[in-house]
Amino acid sequence: MSRPEVHARPEWRFTRNVYFPVAALVEDQWWVLRLNSFPDHALWTLFIDGVVRFDIDGTPPSWGRPLDRSAPLLEPATAEAVLAPVRDFVAYGSEVGEPCDDPFCCG
């Protein structure tokens, strides 16, 4: 599977959302990372403009550290708009119609 996204250099910004903590505007597309229940699931799920792209356990070096505390905050209205397409995909797998319902990792 080709993943050209691993070579990008997103500039992450905090969203103030515990499930989708960071987003970045990359070539006019909004990237959002969902933080999953690791190690039961992949650490991150990448969404691009609200569509799931792939799961990843670690971030590529070009992505920097998504949870770097020095990253700036998105404006609340922008964060709301960026997260709107993924807001219902909190549970791992929900984006493909198979939400995890295990009470130990996703409950």
C-alpha atoms as a PDB file:
ATOM      1  CA  MET A   1       0.000   0.000   0.000  1.00  0.00           C
ATOM      2  CA  SER A   2       1.399   3.365  -1.008  1.00  0.00           C
ATOM      3  CA  ARG A   3       1.317   5.989   1.712  1.00  0.00           C
ATOM      4  CA  PRO A   4       2.681   9.260   0.344  1.00  0.00           C
ATOM      5  CA  GLU A   5       1.455  10.967   3.529  1.00  0.00           C
ATOM      6  CA  VAL A   6       4.393   9.537   5.471  1.00  0.00           C
ATOM      7  CA  HIS A   7       6.702  11.943   3.614  1.00  0.00           C
ATOM      8  CA  ALA A   8       4.659  15.072   4.342  1.00  0.00           C
ATOM      9  CA  ARG A   9       5.645  17.621   6.988  1.00  0.00           C
ATOM     10  CA  PRO A  10       2.408  18.523   8.767  1.00  0.00           C
ATOM     11  CA  GLU A  11       2.446  21.383  11.234  1.00  0.00           C
ATOM     12  CA  TRP A  12       0.237  19.992  13.967  1.00  0.00           C
ATOM     13  CA  ARG A  13      -2.065  22.191  16.004  1.00  0.00           C
ATOM     14  CA  PHE A  14      -3.986  21.228  19.096  1.00  0.00           C
ATOM     15  CA  THR A  15      -7.763  20.935  18.736  1.00  0.00           C
ATOM     16  CA  ARG A  16      -8.697  20.770  22.451  1.00  0.00           C
ATOM     17  CA  ASN A  17     -10.384  17.403  21.761  1.00  0.00           C
ATOM     18  CA  VAL A  18      -9.221  14.371  23.747  1.00  0.00           C
ATOM     19  CA  TYR A  19     -10.019  11.845  20.985  1.00  0.00           C
ATOM     20  CA  PHE A  20      -8.780  13.932  18.049  1.00  0.00           C
ATOM     21  CA  PRO A  21      -6.058  15.972  19.718  1.00  0.00           C
ATOM     22  CA  VAL A  22      -4.260  17.391  16.680  1.00  0.00           C
ATOM     23  CA  ALA A  23      -4.932  18.553  13.150  1.00  0.00           C
ATOM     24  CA  ALA A  24      -2.858  20.052  10.367  1.00  0.00           C
ATOM     25  CA  LEU A  25      -3.621  21.768   7.091  1.00  0.00           C
ATOM     26  CA  VAL A  26      -1.558  19.970   4.446  1.00  0.00           C
ATOM     27  CA  GLU A  27      -1.866  21.060   0.813  1.00  0.00           C
ATOM     28  CA  ASP A  28      -5.375  22.440   1.370  1.00  0.00           C
ATOM     29  CA  GLN A  29      -6.570  19.272   3.115  1.00  0.00           C
ATOM     30  CA  TRP A  30      -7.227  18.906   6.832  1.00  0.00           C
ATOM     31  CA  TRP A  31      -5.433  16.028   8.486  1.00  0.00           C
ATOM     32  CA  VAL A  32      -6.773  14.839  11.826  1.00  0.00           C
ATOM     33  CA  LEU A  33      -5.193  12.228  14.070  1.00  0.00           C
ATOM     34  CA  ARG A  34      -7.397  10.118  16.315  1.00  0.00           C
ATOM     35  CA  LEU A  35      -5.668   8.801  19.422  1.00  0.00           C
ATOM     36  CA  ASN A  36      -6.688   5.158  19.857  1.00  0.00           C
ATOM     37  CA  SER A  37      -6.557   2.715  22.761  1.00  0.00           C
ATOM     38  CA  PHE A  38      -3.020   1.432  22.284  1.00  0.00           C
ATOM     39  CA  PRO A  39      -1.843  -1.388  22.362  1.00  0.00           C
ATOM     40  CA  ASP A  40      -5.264  -2.941  21.729  1.00  0.00           C
ATOM     41  CA  HIS A  41      -5.471  -0.888  18.539  1.00  0.00           C
ATOM     42  CA  ALA A  42      -3.056   1.127  16.444  1.00  0.00           C
ATOM     43  CA  LEU A  43      -1.876   4.224  18.299  1.00  0.00           C
ATOM     44  CA  TRP A  44      -3.191   6.655  15.661  1.00  0.00           C
ATOM     45  CA  THR A  45      -5.732   6.760  12.847  1.00  0.00           C
ATOM     46  CA  LEU A  46      -5.184   9.388  10.159  1.00  0.00           C
ATOM     47  CA  PHE A  47      -8.207  11.079   8.612  1.00  0.00           C
ATOM     48  CA  ILE A  48      -7.848  13.420   5.653  1.00  0.00           C
ATOM     49  CA  ASP A  49     -10.777  15.756   5.053  1.00  0.00           C
ATOM     50  CA  GLY A  50     -12.935  13.460   7.162  1.00  0.00           C
ATOM     51  CA  VAL A  51     -12.027  10.232   5.343  1.00  0.00           C
ATOM     52  CA  VAL A  52      -9.973   7.529   7.050  1.00  0.00           C
ATOM     53  CA  ARG A  53      -6.601   7.014   5.376  1.00  0.00           C
ATOM     54  CA  PHE A  54      -4.749   4.486   7.568  1.00  0.00           C
ATOM     55  CA  ASP A  55      -3.782   3.380  11.067  1.00  0.00           C
ATOM     56  CA  ILE A  56      -0.244   3.831  12.322  1.00  0.00           C
ATOM     57  CA  ASP A  57       1.540   2.834  15.527  1.00  0.00           C
ATOM     58  CA  GLY A  58       4.261   5.462  15.393  1.00  0.00           C
ATOM     59  CA  THR A  59       4.541   8.653  13.452  1.00  0.00           C
ATOM     60  CA  PRO A  60       7.068   9.075  10.639  1.00  0.00           C
ATOM     61  CA  PRO A  61      10.024  11.332  11.472  1.00  0.00           C
ATOM     62  CA  SER A  62       8.773  13.938   8.982  1.00  0.00           C
ATOM     63  CA  TRP A  63       5.609  14.346  11.079  1.00  0.00           C
ATOM     64  CA  GLY A  64       7.545  15.520  14.090  1.00  0.00           C
ATOM     65  CA  ARG A  65       5.910  14.914  17.450  1.00  0.00           C
ATOM     66  CA  PRO A  66       2.161  15.433  17.081  1.00  0.00           C
ATOM     67  CA  LEU A  67       1.660  15.924  20.818  1.00  0.00           C
ATOM     68  CA  ASP A  68       4.518  18.400  21.213  1.00  0.00           C
ATOM     69  CA  ARG A  69       3.286  20.814  23.872  1.00  0.00           C
ATOM     70  CA  SER A  70       4.763  23.747  21.984  1.00  0.00           C
ATOM     71  CA  ALA A  71       2.318  23.242  19.087  1.00  0.00           C
ATOM     72  CA  PRO A  72      -0.154  26.108  18.739  1.00  0.00           C
ATOM     73  CA  LEU A  73      -3.889  25.809  19.323  1.00  0.00           C
ATOM     74  CA  LEU A  74      -6.404  25.933  16.508  1.00  0.00           C
ATOM     75  CA  GLU A  75      -9.015  28.640  16.847  1.00  0.00           C
ATOM     76  CA  PRO A  76     -12.121  27.052  18.424  1.00  0.00           C
ATOM     77  CA  ALA A  77     -14.339  27.690  15.379  1.00  0.00           C
ATOM     78  CA  THR A  78     -11.730  26.206  13.051  1.00  0.00           C
ATOM     79  CA  ALA A  79     -11.278  23.153  15.278  1.00  0.00           C
ATOM     80  CA  GLU A  80     -15.051  22.664  15.352  1.00  0.00           C
ATOM     81  CA  ALA A  81     -15.250  22.771  11.547  1.00  0.00           C
ATOM     82  CA  VAL A  82     -12.233  20.499  11.068  1.00  0.00           C
ATOM     83  CA  LEU A  83     -13.507  17.901  13.548  1.00  0.00           C
ATOM     84  CA  ALA A  84     -17.135  17.931  12.369  1.00  0.00           C
ATOM     85  CA  PRO A  85     -16.633  15.175   9.743  1.00  0.00           C
ATOM     86  CA  VAL A  86     -14.908  12.817  12.220  1.00  0.00           C
ATOM     87  CA  ARG A  87     -16.731  13.635  15.447  1.00  0.00           C
ATOM     88  CA  ASP A  88     -18.841  10.437  15.273  1.00  0.00           C
ATOM     89  CA  PHE A  89     -15.759   8.236  14.799  1.00  0.00           C
ATOM     90  CA  VAL A  90     -14.488   8.215  18.378  1.00  0.00           C
ATOM     91  CA  ALA A  91     -14.542   4.396  18.721  1.00  0.00           C
ATOM     92  CA  TYR A  92     -11.835   2.542  16.856  1.00  0.00           C
ATOM     93  CA  GLY A  93     -13.319   1.014  13.695  1.00  0.00           C
ATOM     94  CA  SER A  94     -16.422   3.218  13.704  1.00  0.00           C
ATOM     95  CA  GLU A  95     -15.195   4.957  10.559  1.00  0.00           C
ATOM     96  CA  VAL A  96     -15.668   1.657   8.664  1.00  0.00           C
ATOM     97  CA  GLY A  97     -18.925   0.685  10.367  1.00  0.00           C
ATOM     98  CA  GLU A  98     -17.319  -1.708  12.861  1.00  0.00           C
ATOM     99  CA  PRO A  99     -16.871   0.211  16.124  1.00  0.00           C
ATOM    100  CA  CYS A 100     -14.949  -1.555  18.849  1.00  0.00           C
ATOM    101  CA  ASP A 101     -17.250  -2.303  21.758  1.00  0.00           C
ATOM    102  CA  ASP A 102     -14.717  -3.967  24.030  1.00  0.00           C
ATOM    103  CA  PRO A 103     -15.237  -2.329  27.444  1.00  0.00           C
ATOM    104  CA  PHE A 104     -11.532  -2.739  28.328  1.00  0.00           C
ATOM    105  CA  CYS A 105     -10.122  -0.730  25.443  1.00  0.00           C
ATOM    106  CA  CYS A 106     -12.956   1.308  23.988  1.00  0.00           C
ATOM    107  CA  GLY A 107     -15.652   1.266  26.639  1.00  0.00           C
END
